[in-house]
């Protein structure tokens, strides 16, 4: 019973829009210059959205990083 309680407490700390089970569940949190990730169900609607071509530091711009599911939470991993 304690194991279940600990699991529920640890999962409760992840916001619903960031919950995932695999990398494929995650997408950028914003249409342009994303610095965070969310699950596909919480993905922004980017239809008709135009983004600048600049490479904003610490974002997914210009292949600076990727989205991933880390310990059940969508996040971005920046390249070092």
C-alpha atoms as a PDB file:
ATOM      1  CA  UNK A   1       0.000   0.000   0.000  1.00  0.00           C
ATOM      2  CA  UNK A   2       2.827   2.423   0.774  1.00  0.00           C
ATOM      3  CA  UNK A   3       4.366   1.871  -2.634  1.00  0.00           C
ATOM      4  CA  UNK A   4       1.127   2.922  -4.333  1.00  0.00           C
ATOM      5  CA  UNK A   5       0.883   6.009  -2.127  1.00  0.00           C
ATOM      6  CA  UNK A   6       4.449   7.057  -2.951  1.00  0.00           C
ATOM      7  CA  UNK A   7       3.781   6.550  -6.667  1.00  0.00           C
ATOM      8  CA  UNK A   8       0.628   8.675  -6.559  1.00  0.00           C
ATOM      9  CA  UNK A   9       2.388  11.471  -4.697  1.00  0.00           C
ATOM     10  CA  UNK A  10       5.292  11.524  -7.161  1.00  0.00           C
ATOM     11  CA  UNK A  11       2.973  11.579 -10.205  1.00  0.00           C
ATOM     12  CA  UNK A  12       0.807  14.315  -8.746  1.00  0.00           C
ATOM     13  CA  UNK A  13       3.694  16.781  -8.961  1.00  0.00           C
ATOM     14  CA  UNK A  14       3.773  16.630 -12.792  1.00  0.00           C
ATOM     15  CA  UNK A  15       1.309  19.071 -14.386  1.00  0.00           C
ATOM     16  CA  UNK A  16      -1.345  17.313 -16.491  1.00  0.00           C
ATOM     17  CA  UNK A  17      -0.210  19.047 -19.694  1.00  0.00           C
ATOM     18  CA  UNK A  18       3.310  17.626 -19.271  1.00  0.00           C
ATOM     19  CA  UNK A  19       2.501  13.959 -18.418  1.00  0.00           C
ATOM     20  CA  UNK A  20       4.007  11.413 -20.836  1.00  0.00           C
ATOM     21  CA  UNK A  21       5.149   7.815 -21.123  1.00  0.00           C
ATOM     22  CA  UNK A  22       7.507   8.086 -24.144  1.00  0.00           C
ATOM     23  CA  UNK A  23       9.380  10.759 -26.120  1.00  0.00           C
ATOM     24  CA  UNK A  24       6.815  10.488 -28.934  1.00  0.00           C
ATOM     25  CA  UNK A  25       4.145  11.828 -26.532  1.00  0.00           C
ATOM     26  CA  UNK A  26       5.908  15.210 -26.289  1.00  0.00           C
ATOM     27  CA  UNK A  27       5.909  18.285 -28.550  1.00  0.00           C
ATOM     28  CA  UNK A  28       7.165  21.879 -28.238  1.00  0.00           C
ATOM     29  CA  UNK A  29       5.043  23.958 -25.827  1.00  0.00           C
ATOM     30  CA  UNK A  30       4.925  27.002 -28.134  1.00  0.00           C
ATOM     31  CA  UNK A  31       4.834  27.423 -31.894  1.00  0.00           C
ATOM     32  CA  UNK A  32       7.917  29.644 -32.047  1.00  0.00           C
ATOM     33  CA  UNK A  33      11.153  29.621 -30.051  1.00  0.00           C
ATOM     34  CA  UNK A  34       9.995  26.859 -27.709  1.00  0.00           C
ATOM     35  CA  UNK A  35      11.844  26.574 -24.421  1.00  0.00           C
ATOM     36  CA  UNK A  36       9.541  23.938 -22.935  1.00  0.00           C
ATOM     37  CA  UNK A  37       7.544  20.876 -23.962  1.00  0.00           C
ATOM     38  CA  UNK A  38       4.026  19.535 -23.356  1.00  0.00           C
ATOM     39  CA  UNK A  39       2.168  16.363 -24.281  1.00  0.00           C
ATOM     40  CA  UNK A  40       0.399  16.115 -27.641  1.00  0.00           C
ATOM     41  CA  UNK A  41      -3.017  16.635 -26.058  1.00  0.00           C
ATOM     42  CA  UNK A  42      -1.851  20.071 -24.833  1.00  0.00           C
ATOM     43  CA  UNK A  43      -0.024  21.055 -28.039  1.00  0.00           C
ATOM     44  CA  UNK A  44      -0.564  24.605 -29.284  1.00  0.00           C
ATOM     45  CA  UNK A  45      -2.489  25.176 -32.519  1.00  0.00           C
ATOM     46  CA  UNK A  46       0.187  26.509 -34.879  1.00  0.00           C
ATOM     47  CA  UNK A  47      -1.940  26.739 -38.027  1.00  0.00           C
ATOM     48  CA  UNK A  48      -1.192  30.021 -39.774  1.00  0.00           C
ATOM     49  CA  UNK A  49       1.513  30.907 -37.221  1.00  0.00           C
ATOM     50  CA  UNK A  50       4.595  32.637 -38.655  1.00  0.00           C
ATOM     51  CA  UNK A  51       7.871  32.520 -36.731  1.00  0.00           C
ATOM     52  CA  UNK A  52      11.041  34.536 -37.151  1.00  0.00           C
ATOM     53  CA  UNK A  53      14.087  32.755 -38.501  1.00  0.00           C
ATOM     54  CA  UNK A  54      16.332  33.810 -35.616  1.00  0.00           C
ATOM     55  CA  UNK A  55      18.038  31.259 -33.395  1.00  0.00           C
ATOM     56  CA  UNK A  56      16.926  32.270 -29.917  1.00  0.00           C
ATOM     57  CA  UNK A  57      19.343  30.897 -27.290  1.00  0.00           C
ATOM     58  CA  UNK A  58      18.140  28.099 -24.968  1.00  0.00           C
ATOM     59  CA  UNK A  59      15.238  27.102 -27.220  1.00  0.00           C
ATOM     60  CA  UNK A  60      14.612  24.339 -29.747  1.00  0.00           C
ATOM     61  CA  UNK A  61      15.555  26.785 -32.536  1.00  0.00           C
ATOM     62  CA  UNK A  62      18.297  25.739 -34.963  1.00  0.00           C
ATOM     63  CA  UNK A  63      18.506  22.211 -33.522  1.00  0.00           C
ATOM     64  CA  UNK A  64      19.736  23.458 -30.137  1.00  0.00           C
ATOM     65  CA  UNK A  65      17.805  20.684 -28.412  1.00  0.00           C
ATOM     66  CA  UNK A  66      14.975  18.173 -28.559  1.00  0.00           C
ATOM     67  CA  UNK A  67      11.802  17.232 -26.703  1.00  0.00           C
ATOM     68  CA  UNK A  68      11.842  14.171 -24.477  1.00  0.00           C
ATOM     69  CA  UNK A  69       9.848  12.337 -21.837  1.00  0.00           C
ATOM     70  CA  UNK A  70      11.958  12.319 -18.687  1.00  0.00           C
ATOM     71  CA  UNK A  71      10.603  10.474 -15.657  1.00  0.00           C
ATOM     72  CA  UNK A  72       7.024  10.873 -16.935  1.00  0.00           C
ATOM     73  CA  UNK A  73       7.328  14.593 -17.754  1.00  0.00           C
ATOM     74  CA  UNK A  74       7.716  16.325 -21.142  1.00  0.00           C
ATOM     75  CA  UNK A  75      10.834  18.494 -21.161  1.00  0.00           C
ATOM     76  CA  UNK A  76      13.386  19.851 -23.579  1.00  0.00           C
ATOM     77  CA  UNK A  77      16.978  18.691 -23.565  1.00  0.00           C
ATOM     78  CA  UNK A  78      19.407  21.321 -24.799  1.00  0.00           C
ATOM     79  CA  UNK A  79      22.579  20.262 -26.573  1.00  0.00           C
ATOM     80  CA  UNK A  80      25.751  21.061 -24.683  1.00  0.00           C
END
